[in-house]
Amino acid sequence: MQAGNDAGSGSAAPGLARMLGFAAMPVFALMALWTGLSGGPSDMLCMSTQGSSPLDGMAMMYGLMSVFHAAPWLRLVQRR
C-alpha cells in the first residue's frame, strides 16, 4: 500500500474549498450593508469626507470584494 492512498486522506478538502468559495460573497455583501447602514464614523484617515456618502470607505471596499467573489455563484446559476 502506498503512502497517501488512504480512503479518507484529503477527501474533505475540495468540498471545504467549495463551501468557502460560496461563503465569501454573501459575507462581504452583509458586511457592506451593515457598514453602510450603521452610520458609524468613517475611516479616521478620511475625516474631511466624513458624512459624504453611506457607501464610502469600508462599505465600498466590502461591496467590491463581494462583486469580486461572485464567481462561484455565477457558475452555479449558469449551470442551471
N, C-alpha and C. Protein backbone atom coordinates (compact mmCIF):
# COMPACT_ATOMS: atom_id res chain seq x y z
N MET A 1 0.84 -1.17 0.00
CA MET A 1 0.00 0.00 0.00
C MET A 1 0.89 1.24 0.00
N GLN A 2 0.61 2.18 -0.88
CA GLN A 2 1.42 3.38 -0.97
C GLN A 2 0.93 4.42 0.02
N ALA A 3 1.86 5.28 0.46
CA ALA A 3 1.50 6.35 1.38
C ALA A 3 0.64 7.37 0.66
N GLY A 4 -0.40 7.86 1.34
CA GLY A 4 -1.26 8.89 0.76
C GLY A 4 -2.44 8.35 -0.01
N ASN A 5 -2.57 7.03 -0.10
CA ASN A 5 -3.70 6.45 -0.82
C ASN A 5 -4.79 5.97 0.11
N ASP A 6 -4.83 6.45 1.33
CA ASP A 6 -5.89 6.07 2.26
C ASP A 6 -7.21 6.60 1.75
N ALA A 7 -8.28 5.89 2.05
CA ALA A 7 -9.60 6.27 1.55
C ALA A 7 -10.05 7.63 2.07
N GLY A 8 -9.65 7.99 3.28
CA GLY A 8 -10.12 9.23 3.86
C GLY A 8 -9.15 10.39 3.76
N SER A 9 -7.98 10.20 3.19
CA SER A 9 -6.98 11.27 3.19
C SER A 9 -7.28 12.32 2.13
N GLY A 10 -7.52 13.54 2.58
CA GLY A 10 -7.72 14.66 1.66
C GLY A 10 -9.05 14.71 0.97
N SER A 11 -9.98 13.86 1.33
CA SER A 11 -11.25 13.84 0.61
C SER A 11 -12.17 15.00 0.99
N ALA A 12 -11.95 15.63 2.13
CA ALA A 12 -12.81 16.74 2.57
C ALA A 12 -12.33 18.08 2.04
N ALA A 13 -11.10 18.17 1.59
CA ALA A 13 -10.53 19.46 1.16
C ALA A 13 -11.27 20.09 -0.02
N PRO A 14 -11.58 19.38 -1.08
CA PRO A 14 -12.31 20.03 -2.19
C PRO A 14 -13.69 20.52 -1.78
N GLY A 15 -14.39 19.76 -0.97
CA GLY A 15 -15.71 20.18 -0.51
C GLY A 15 -15.64 21.41 0.37
N LEU A 16 -14.65 21.45 1.25
CA LEU A 16 -14.47 22.61 2.12
C LEU A 16 -14.10 23.85 1.31
N ALA A 17 -13.24 23.70 0.34
CA ALA A 17 -12.86 24.82 -0.52
C ALA A 17 -14.06 25.34 -1.30
N ARG A 18 -14.91 24.44 -1.75
CA ARG A 18 -16.11 24.84 -2.50
C ARG A 18 -17.06 25.62 -1.59
N MET A 19 -17.25 25.16 -0.35
CA MET A 19 -18.13 25.86 0.58
C MET A 19 -17.58 27.24 0.94
N LEU A 20 -16.28 27.33 1.13
CA LEU A 20 -15.68 28.64 1.43
C LEU A 20 -15.83 29.59 0.25
N GLY A 21 -15.75 29.07 -0.96
CA GLY A 21 -15.95 29.91 -2.14
C GLY A 21 -17.35 30.48 -2.20
N PHE A 22 -18.34 29.70 -1.79
CA PHE A 22 -19.72 30.18 -1.77
C PHE A 22 -19.99 31.10 -0.59
N ALA A 23 -19.21 30.98 0.48
CA ALA A 23 -19.45 31.79 1.67
C ALA A 23 -18.92 33.21 1.54
N ALA A 24 -17.92 33.44 0.73
CA ALA A 24 -17.25 34.75 0.69
C ALA A 24 -18.18 35.86 0.22
N MET A 25 -18.90 35.67 -0.87
CA MET A 25 -19.71 36.75 -1.43
C MET A 25 -20.83 37.20 -0.49
N PRO A 26 -21.64 36.31 0.07
CA PRO A 26 -22.69 36.79 0.98
C PRO A 26 -22.14 37.46 2.23
N VAL A 27 -21.01 36.96 2.74
CA VAL A 27 -20.42 37.58 3.93
C VAL A 27 -19.97 38.99 3.62
N PHE A 28 -19.29 39.19 2.52
CA PHE A 28 -18.85 40.54 2.15
C PHE A 28 -20.04 41.45 1.86
N ALA A 29 -21.10 40.91 1.24
CA ALA A 29 -22.29 41.73 0.97
C ALA A 29 -22.96 42.17 2.26
N LEU A 30 -23.07 41.26 3.23
CA LEU A 30 -23.64 41.63 4.52
C LEU A 30 -22.78 42.64 5.26
N MET A 31 -21.47 42.49 5.17
CA MET A 31 -20.58 43.44 5.82
C MET A 31 -20.70 44.83 5.18
N ALA A 32 -20.85 44.88 3.86
CA ALA A 32 -21.04 46.16 3.18
C ALA A 32 -22.35 46.80 3.61
N LEU A 33 -23.40 46.01 3.67
CA LEU A 33 -24.70 46.53 4.08
C LEU A 33 -24.66 47.02 5.52
N TRP A 34 -24.08 46.24 6.39
CA TRP A 34 -24.01 46.59 7.81
C TRP A 34 -23.17 47.85 8.01
N THR A 35 -22.03 47.93 7.33
CA THR A 35 -21.17 49.09 7.46
C THR A 35 -21.84 50.33 6.88
N GLY A 36 -22.53 50.19 5.77
CA GLY A 36 -23.19 51.33 5.15
C GLY A 36 -24.37 51.85 5.94
N LEU A 37 -25.10 50.94 6.60
CA LEU A 37 -26.29 51.34 7.34
C LEU A 37 -26.03 51.68 8.80
N SER A 38 -24.85 51.31 9.31
CA SER A 38 -24.59 51.51 10.74
C SER A 38 -24.46 52.99 11.10
N GLY A 39 -24.05 53.82 10.15
CA GLY A 39 -23.94 55.25 10.43
C GLY A 39 -22.77 55.60 11.33
N GLY A 40 -21.88 54.66 11.53
CA GLY A 40 -20.71 54.92 12.38
C GLY A 40 -19.73 55.83 11.68
N PRO A 41 -18.71 56.26 12.40
CA PRO A 41 -17.72 57.14 11.79
C PRO A 41 -16.96 56.44 10.68
N SER A 42 -16.62 57.20 9.65
CA SER A 42 -15.86 56.62 8.54
C SER A 42 -14.40 56.50 8.94
N ASP A 43 -13.58 56.14 8.02
CA ASP A 43 -12.16 55.95 8.30
C ASP A 43 -11.55 57.19 8.92
N MET A 44 -10.69 57.00 9.87
CA MET A 44 -10.06 58.14 10.55
C MET A 44 -9.15 58.93 9.60
N LEU A 45 -8.62 58.29 8.59
CA LEU A 45 -7.74 58.99 7.65
C LEU A 45 -8.53 59.88 6.69
N CYS A 46 -9.83 59.66 6.59
CA CYS A 46 -10.65 60.40 5.63
C CYS A 46 -11.64 61.30 6.36
N MET A 47 -11.21 62.01 7.34
CA MET A 47 -12.11 62.84 8.14
C MET A 47 -12.74 63.97 7.33
N SER A 48 -12.06 64.46 6.28
CA SER A 48 -12.61 65.56 5.51
C SER A 48 -13.82 65.14 4.68
N THR A 49 -13.94 63.88 4.35
CA THR A 49 -15.07 63.41 3.55
C THR A 49 -16.12 62.72 4.40
N GLN A 50 -16.03 62.83 5.70
CA GLN A 50 -16.98 62.15 6.59
C GLN A 50 -18.40 62.65 6.35
N GLY A 51 -19.31 61.72 6.23
CA GLY A 51 -20.71 62.06 6.03
C GLY A 51 -21.09 62.33 4.59
N SER A 52 -20.17 62.16 3.66
CA SER A 52 -20.49 62.47 2.26
C SER A 52 -21.37 61.41 1.62
N SER A 53 -21.18 60.16 1.97
CA SER A 53 -21.96 59.08 1.38
C SER A 53 -21.93 57.88 2.31
N PRO A 54 -23.03 57.13 2.39
CA PRO A 54 -23.01 55.92 3.21
C PRO A 54 -22.16 54.81 2.58
N LEU A 55 -21.81 54.96 1.31
CA LEU A 55 -21.01 53.94 0.63
C LEU A 55 -19.57 54.37 0.44
N ASP A 56 -19.00 55.04 1.41
CA ASP A 56 -17.60 55.43 1.28
C ASP A 56 -16.74 54.53 2.17
N GLY A 57 -15.48 54.53 1.94
CA GLY A 57 -14.54 53.80 2.78
C GLY A 57 -14.74 52.30 2.79
N MET A 58 -14.98 51.76 3.98
CA MET A 58 -15.05 50.32 4.16
C MET A 58 -16.29 49.71 3.48
N ALA A 59 -17.39 50.40 3.47
CA ALA A 59 -18.58 49.85 2.81
C ALA A 59 -18.33 49.64 1.33
N MET A 60 -17.66 50.58 0.70
CA MET A 60 -17.33 50.44 -0.73
C MET A 60 -16.36 49.28 -0.95
N MET A 61 -15.38 49.14 -0.06
CA MET A 61 -14.44 48.04 -0.19
C MET A 61 -15.14 46.69 -0.04
N TYR A 62 -16.03 46.57 0.94
CA TYR A 62 -16.76 45.32 1.12
C TYR A 62 -17.67 45.03 -0.07
N GLY A 63 -18.27 46.05 -0.63
CA GLY A 63 -19.09 45.87 -1.82
C GLY A 63 -18.29 45.36 -3.00
N LEU A 64 -17.12 45.94 -3.21
CA LEU A 64 -16.24 45.48 -4.30
C LEU A 64 -15.76 44.06 -4.06
N MET A 65 -15.42 43.73 -2.83
CA MET A 65 -14.99 42.37 -2.52
C MET A 65 -16.12 41.37 -2.78
N SER A 66 -17.34 41.78 -2.50
CA SER A 66 -18.48 40.92 -2.78
C SER A 66 -18.61 40.65 -4.27
N VAL A 67 -18.44 41.69 -5.08
CA VAL A 67 -18.50 41.53 -6.54
C VAL A 67 -17.37 40.64 -7.03
N PHE A 68 -16.17 40.83 -6.51
CA PHE A 68 -15.02 40.05 -6.96
C PHE A 68 -15.14 38.58 -6.57
N HIS A 69 -15.90 38.26 -5.51
CA HIS A 69 -16.05 36.88 -5.07
C HIS A 69 -17.36 36.26 -5.52
N ALA A 70 -18.01 36.82 -6.52
CA ALA A 70 -19.30 36.31 -7.01
C ALA A 70 -19.15 35.17 -8.01
N ALA A 71 -17.95 34.83 -8.43
CA ALA A 71 -17.75 33.82 -9.48
C ALA A 71 -18.38 32.47 -9.15
N PRO A 72 -18.23 31.91 -7.94
CA PRO A 72 -18.88 30.61 -7.69
C PRO A 72 -20.40 30.67 -7.84
N TRP A 73 -21.02 31.76 -7.42
CA TRP A 73 -22.46 31.90 -7.55
C TRP A 73 -22.86 32.04 -9.01
N LEU A 74 -22.07 32.76 -9.79
CA LEU A 74 -22.37 32.91 -11.22
C LEU A 74 -22.24 31.58 -11.95
N ARG A 75 -21.24 30.79 -11.58
CA ARG A 75 -21.09 29.46 -12.19
C ARG A 75 -22.27 28.56 -11.82
N LEU A 76 -22.76 28.66 -10.59
CA LEU A 76 -23.90 27.85 -10.16
C LEU A 76 -25.15 28.23 -10.94
N VAL A 77 -25.40 29.51 -11.12
CA VAL A 77 -26.55 29.97 -11.87
C VAL A 77 -26.44 29.57 -13.34
N GLN A 78 -25.24 29.63 -13.88
CA GLN A 78 -25.02 29.29 -15.29
C GLN A 78 -25.31 27.82 -15.55
N ARG A 79 -25.00 26.94 -14.59
CA ARG A 79 -25.23 25.50 -14.77
C ARG A 79 -26.70 25.15 -14.79
N ARG A 80 -27.55 25.91 -14.17
CA ARG A 80 -28.98 25.57 -14.05
C ARG A 80 -29.75 25.99 -15.24
